[in-house]
Protein backbone atom coordinates (compact mmCIF):
# COMPACT_ATOMS: atom_id res chain seq x y z
CA MET A 1 164.85 104.03 69.69
CA PRO A 2 161.05 104.12 69.94
CA GLY A 3 159.40 101.18 68.33
CA GLU A 4 156.67 98.63 68.33
CA PHE A 5 156.58 95.86 70.91
CA ILE A 6 154.72 92.60 70.35
CA ASP A 7 153.07 90.33 72.87
CA THR A 8 153.29 86.54 72.81
CA ASN A 9 149.90 86.09 71.15
CA ILE A 10 151.19 87.83 68.02
CA VAL A 11 154.07 85.37 67.72
CA ILE A 12 151.73 82.43 68.31
CA TYR A 13 149.34 83.64 65.58
CA SER A 14 152.30 83.71 63.18
CA LEU A 15 152.36 79.91 63.64
CA SER A 16 148.59 79.57 63.34
CA LYS A 17 146.43 78.03 60.67
CA ASP A 18 144.02 80.99 60.94
CA GLY A 19 144.94 82.60 57.62
CA GLN A 20 143.94 86.21 58.34
CA LYS A 21 145.44 86.36 61.82
CA GLN A 22 148.55 84.55 60.64
CA GLN A 23 149.10 87.04 57.81
CA LYS A 24 148.63 90.01 60.16
CA ALA A 25 151.03 88.50 62.69
CA LEU A 26 153.63 87.76 60.01
CA ALA A 27 153.35 91.35 58.75
CA LEU A 28 153.97 92.68 62.27
CA LEU A 29 156.99 90.41 62.68
CA ALA A 30 158.33 91.52 59.30
CA ASP A 31 158.43 95.10 60.61
CA LYS A 32 161.25 94.12 63.01
CA PRO A 33 159.44 94.72 66.31
CA VAL A 34 160.88 94.79 69.79
CA MET A 35 160.10 91.87 72.08
CA SER A 36 161.33 90.51 75.36
CA VAL A 37 162.92 87.27 76.36
CA GLN A 38 159.66 86.62 78.22
CA VAL A 39 157.75 86.65 74.91
CA LEU A 40 160.12 84.04 73.51
CA SER A 41 159.86 81.97 76.68
CA GLU A 42 156.06 82.03 76.64
CA THR A 43 156.11 81.18 72.93
CA ALA A 44 158.36 78.16 73.55
CA ASN A 45 156.06 76.98 76.34
CA ILE A 46 152.91 77.25 74.20
CA MET A 47 154.63 75.58 71.25
CA ARG A 48 155.56 72.62 73.44
CA ARG A 49 152.49 72.26 75.66
CA LYS A 50 149.63 73.32 73.38
CA LEU A 51 150.88 73.01 69.82
CA GLY A 52 152.96 69.83 70.15
CA PHE A 53 156.19 71.09 68.58
CA ASP A 54 159.34 69.11 69.30
CA THR A 55 162.43 70.63 70.89
CA ALA A 56 164.32 71.12 67.62
CA ALA A 57 161.40 72.93 66.00
CA ILE A 58 160.89 75.14 69.05
CA ARG A 59 164.57 76.09 69.11
CA ALA A 60 164.54 76.85 65.37
CA VAL A 61 161.49 79.11 65.63
CA ILE A 62 162.76 80.92 68.73
CA ASN A 63 166.19 81.50 67.21
CA ARG A 64 164.71 82.74 63.91
CA ILE A 65 162.32 85.13 65.61
CA SER A 66 164.98 86.46 67.96
CA GLN A 67 167.23 87.26 64.99
CA GLU A 68 164.44 89.09 63.18
CA CYS A 69 163.44 91.47 65.97
CA LEU A 70 164.86 94.96 66.27
CA ASN A 71 165.71 94.53 69.94
CA LEU A 72 165.41 91.65 72.36
CA GLN A 73 164.65 93.23 75.71
CA PRO A 74 166.06 91.32 78.70
CA LEU A 75 164.17 90.68 81.91
CA THR A 76 166.01 92.22 84.80
CA LEU A 77 165.32 92.97 88.45
CA ASN A 78 164.48 96.52 87.33
CA THR A 79 161.93 95.10 84.85
CA LEU A 80 160.37 93.04 87.63
CA ASN A 81 160.15 95.99 90.02
CA ASN A 82 158.62 98.18 87.32
CA ALA A 83 156.13 95.40 86.52
CA ILE A 84 155.06 95.20 90.16
CA ASP A 85 154.39 98.95 90.10
CA ILE A 86 152.46 98.69 86.82
CA ALA A 87 150.32 95.83 88.14
CA GLY A 88 149.51 97.93 91.21
CA ARG A 89 148.61 101.05 89.23
CA TYR A 90 146.69 99.47 86.36
CA GLY A 91 145.52 96.08 87.62
CA PHE A 92 147.22 94.06 84.87
CA SER A 93 148.26 90.49 85.55
CA HIS A 94 151.86 89.94 86.61
CA TYR A 95 152.94 88.57 83.23
CA ASP A 96 151.19 91.30 81.23
CA SER A 97 152.84 93.83 83.54
CA LEU A 98 156.26 92.31 82.76
CA ILE A 99 155.59 92.74 79.05
CA ILE A 100 154.44 96.33 79.56
CA ALA A 101 157.49 97.11 81.73
CA ALA A 102 159.81 95.67 79.07
CA ALA A 103 158.08 97.71 76.35
CA LEU A 104 158.42 100.89 78.40
CA GLN A 105 162.08 100.18 79.15
CA ALA A 106 162.70 99.76 75.42
CA ASP A 107 161.05 103.18 74.81
CA CYS A 108 158.35 101.63 72.64
CA THR A 109 155.27 103.67 71.83
CA LEU A 110 153.03 100.82 70.61
CA LEU A 111 152.30 97.45 72.19
CA TYR A 112 150.52 94.98 69.92
CA SER A 113 148.43 92.55 71.96
CA GLU A 114 145.13 90.80 71.65
CA ASP A 115 144.92 90.33 75.43
CA MET A 116 144.83 93.92 76.66
CA GLN A 117 142.39 96.81 76.22
CA HIS A 118 142.68 98.29 72.73
CA GLY A 119 143.61 101.97 72.83
CA GLN A 120 144.66 102.02 76.47
CA VAL A 121 147.54 104.41 77.14
CA ILE A 122 150.03 103.33 79.78
CA ASP A 123 152.22 105.87 81.55
CA GLY A 124 151.23 108.45 78.96
CA ARG A 125 153.50 106.98 76.30
CA LEU A 126 152.64 103.36 75.44
CA VAL A 127 149.46 102.63 73.48
CA VAL A 128 147.98 99.13 73.39
CA ILE A 129 146.79 98.10 69.92
CA ASN A 130 144.79 94.98 69.09
CA PRO A 131 145.86 94.35 65.50
CA PHE A 132 143.09 91.80 64.95
CA LEU A 133 140.09 94.06 65.55
CA SER A 134 139.56 94.68 61.84
CA ILE A 135 139.72 90.97 60.97
């Protein structure tokens, strides 16, 4: 089922004290997006290392978010190989390429991310959208 995929920065902004970005991120999460296990892993790492959350709080947030998404895309060897190809073709970082590969494997048509070029079309079917441009 085609859908909307969200990058880690969207999840992190949902925890932010930046009111406008937090509200936009929460609205995107409320739409039941697709995300990958990598997004949850990166979120847990940022929550621990940069935001100072304890283990129980991290687990609670990760479990809640994983239950609210439409699909939790796994990382597989196929995802990794596709990411390597994407990085070679487009010049994305390895971790951005993993997110893109997961979004493509989930047949998503939109990828919400603040970290990639707004409007870029990947493989003719995935459009990168920066949801914070109008804020």
